[in-house]
Each structure stands twice: as structure tokens, then as C-alpha cells.
Amino acid sequence: MKRILIFDDDADILEILTYLLSEKGWIVHTRTHCNNITETMNECLPDLILMDNWIPDQGGIKATQALKNNEDFRNIPVIYFSANSDIQKLAEEAGADAWLAKPFDLQELEDMLSRFVS
């Protein structure tokens, strides 16, 4: 099964995405912070990551950069997602593989996920 790790500090978003993606056959792991990100990655072993910009404590940009600079994790796709109006610029700064502006609809999310994990 496909595994996804979602970093977002909004519990409602995590709950909704967990339900929706589980229904689509994903194993969903969530975190409300990006502390101990290396340990989290080793625990979850995701095929794909959804990273919010405003994730405590270090923020999505630094967390994504840390993943992309880690030899063990750099090839795992990171989709940066946020309600920021400059989401594309933030995603590029972070080194994310793609970006998704909030709010998004389920089909938009599914299309994005299928680009990276089949």
C-alpha cells in the first residue's frame, strides 16, 4: 500500500485528509509539528510527503530543506501545501517537488498524488 506522511498544524485538515486518503487506499501518517523529522521519517517510511508552510517548530521550508539534504530521504516527493498567496515561491525556496494551494478539492489532490506515486 502507498504511504503518505502529512505535516500540518491544523487538526481538522489532518482528520479530513486521513479519512479521504484512507478511503482511497493510502496508509496515512500525520504530524502537527516537524520536530525529530528524521525519526518520524524512519518510523513512517512514506512514499510521499505533504508539507504545510506553517508547521511548528522550524516551519515547512526548513523541514523540506532538511529532507532534501538528507541522502536517505531526498528522493521522496514533497508536495508543499499552504494557503499563502505566494505558495509557488515558498515551495521553490523549500526545494519541494510540487505545490498545492489551499483550499483544494479532492480531485486536485488525487491528481497531484498520482503524478508522484502510482
Protein backbone atom coordinates (compact mmCIF):
# COMPACT_ATOMS: atom_id res chain seq x y z
CA MET A 1 0.00 0.00 0.00
CA LYS A 2 1.01 3.60 -0.56
CA ARG A 3 2.17 5.52 2.50
CA ILE A 4 1.80 9.27 2.97
CA LEU A 5 3.08 11.49 5.75
CA ILE A 6 1.21 14.76 6.25
CA PHE A 7 2.69 17.62 8.24
CA ASP A 8 0.06 20.22 9.18
CA ASP A 9 -0.72 22.03 12.43
CA ASP A 10 -4.47 22.11 11.65
CA ALA A 11 -6.08 19.06 13.27
CA ASP A 12 -9.21 19.42 11.13
CA ILE A 13 -7.22 19.23 7.91
CA LEU A 14 -5.34 16.19 9.19
CA GLU A 15 -8.58 14.45 10.18
CA ILE A 16 -10.25 15.14 6.82
CA LEU A 17 -7.22 14.11 4.78
CA THR A 18 -6.72 10.98 6.86
CA TYR A 19 -10.31 9.92 6.21
CA LEU A 20 -10.30 10.78 2.49
CA LEU A 21 -6.92 9.27 1.68
CA SER A 22 -7.55 6.14 3.76
CA GLU A 23 -10.70 5.61 1.70
CA LYS A 24 -8.51 5.79 -1.42
CA GLY A 25 -6.19 3.08 -0.13
CA TRP A 26 -3.39 5.16 1.43
CA ILE A 27 -1.76 4.41 4.76
CA VAL A 28 -1.81 7.87 6.34
CA HIS A 29 0.58 9.18 8.98
CA THR A 30 0.16 12.69 10.36
CA ARG A 31 2.17 15.07 12.49
CA THR A 32 1.25 18.51 13.87
CA HIS A 33 4.92 19.52 14.08
CA CYS A 34 8.17 18.70 12.34
CA ASN A 35 10.31 18.07 15.42
CA ASN A 36 12.50 14.96 15.19
CA ILE A 37 11.76 14.75 11.47
CA THR A 38 14.42 12.10 10.84
CA GLU A 39 12.91 9.80 13.47
CA THR A 40 9.43 10.44 12.09
CA MET A 41 10.55 9.56 8.58
CA ASN A 42 12.20 6.35 9.77
CA GLU A 43 9.04 5.38 11.68
CA CYS A 44 6.59 6.09 8.85
CA LEU A 45 8.66 5.27 5.75
CA PRO A 46 6.41 7.36 3.49
CA ASP A 47 6.24 7.18 -0.30
CA LEU A 48 5.17 10.82 -0.39
CA ILE A 49 5.01 13.84 1.95
CA LEU A 50 2.51 16.70 2.20
CA MET A 51 4.21 19.62 3.95
CA ASP A 52 2.41 22.69 5.28
CA ASN A 53 4.26 26.01 5.30
CA TRP A 54 3.29 26.96 8.87
CA ILE A 55 4.27 23.72 10.60
CA PRO A 56 5.82 24.16 14.07
CA ASP A 57 8.60 24.42 15.13
CA GLN A 58 11.01 25.08 12.30
CA GLY A 59 8.49 25.67 9.50
CA GLY A 60 7.88 23.88 6.24
CA ILE A 61 10.71 25.48 4.31
CA LYS A 62 13.43 24.36 6.73
CA ALA A 63 11.80 20.95 7.24
CA THR A 64 11.62 20.33 3.49
CA GLN A 65 15.20 21.51 3.01
CA ALA A 66 16.32 19.14 5.76
CA LEU A 67 14.61 16.23 4.00
CA LYS A 68 16.00 17.15 0.59
CA ASN A 69 19.52 17.45 2.05
CA ASN A 70 19.28 14.00 3.66
CA GLU A 71 20.58 11.24 1.41
CA ASP A 72 18.03 8.75 2.79
CA PHE A 73 15.01 10.96 2.12
CA ARG A 74 15.86 13.30 -0.76
CA ASN A 75 14.09 11.17 -3.38
CA ILE A 76 10.78 11.07 -1.51
CA PRO A 77 8.46 13.57 -3.23
CA VAL A 78 7.40 16.53 -1.10
CA ILE A 79 4.24 18.41 -2.05
CA TYR A 80 4.20 21.78 -0.35
CA PHE A 81 0.70 22.91 0.54
CA SER A 82 -0.43 26.16 2.06
CA ALA A 83 -2.98 28.97 1.86
CA ASN A 84 -0.19 31.51 1.29
CA SER A 85 -0.67 33.59 -1.84
CA ASP A 86 3.00 33.03 -2.73
CA ILE A 87 2.88 29.24 -2.32
CA GLN A 88 4.79 28.59 -5.55
CA LYS A 89 7.70 30.80 -4.45
CA LEU A 90 7.75 29.19 -0.98
CA ALA A 91 7.71 25.69 -2.49
CA GLU A 92 10.62 26.57 -4.76
CA GLU A 93 12.58 28.03 -1.84
CA ALA A 94 11.93 24.88 0.18
CA GLY A 95 13.03 22.60 -2.66
CA ALA A 96 9.66 20.84 -2.81
CA ASP A 97 8.77 18.71 -5.82
CA ALA A 98 5.38 20.36 -6.29
CA TRP A 99 2.91 22.66 -4.58
CA LEU A 100 -0.81 22.71 -3.91
CA ALA A 101 -2.69 25.83 -2.85
CA LYS A 102 -5.25 25.58 -0.04
CA PRO A 103 -8.15 25.28 -0.33
CA PHE A 104 -8.05 22.49 -2.90
CA ASP A 105 -10.62 19.91 -3.95
CA LEU A 106 -10.16 16.19 -3.57
CA GLN A 107 -9.70 15.58 -7.31
CA GLU A 108 -6.93 18.17 -7.45
CA LEU A 109 -5.17 16.42 -4.55
CA GLU A 110 -5.62 12.97 -6.11
CA ASP A 111 -4.23 14.19 -9.43
CA MET A 112 -1.21 15.64 -7.67
CA LEU A 113 -0.57 12.46 -5.67
CA SER A 114 -0.90 10.25 -8.74
CA ARG A 115 1.80 12.30 -10.50
CA PHE A 116 4.31 11.03 -7.95
CA VAL A 117 3.02 7.68 -6.70
CA SER A 118 1.21 5.14 -8.83
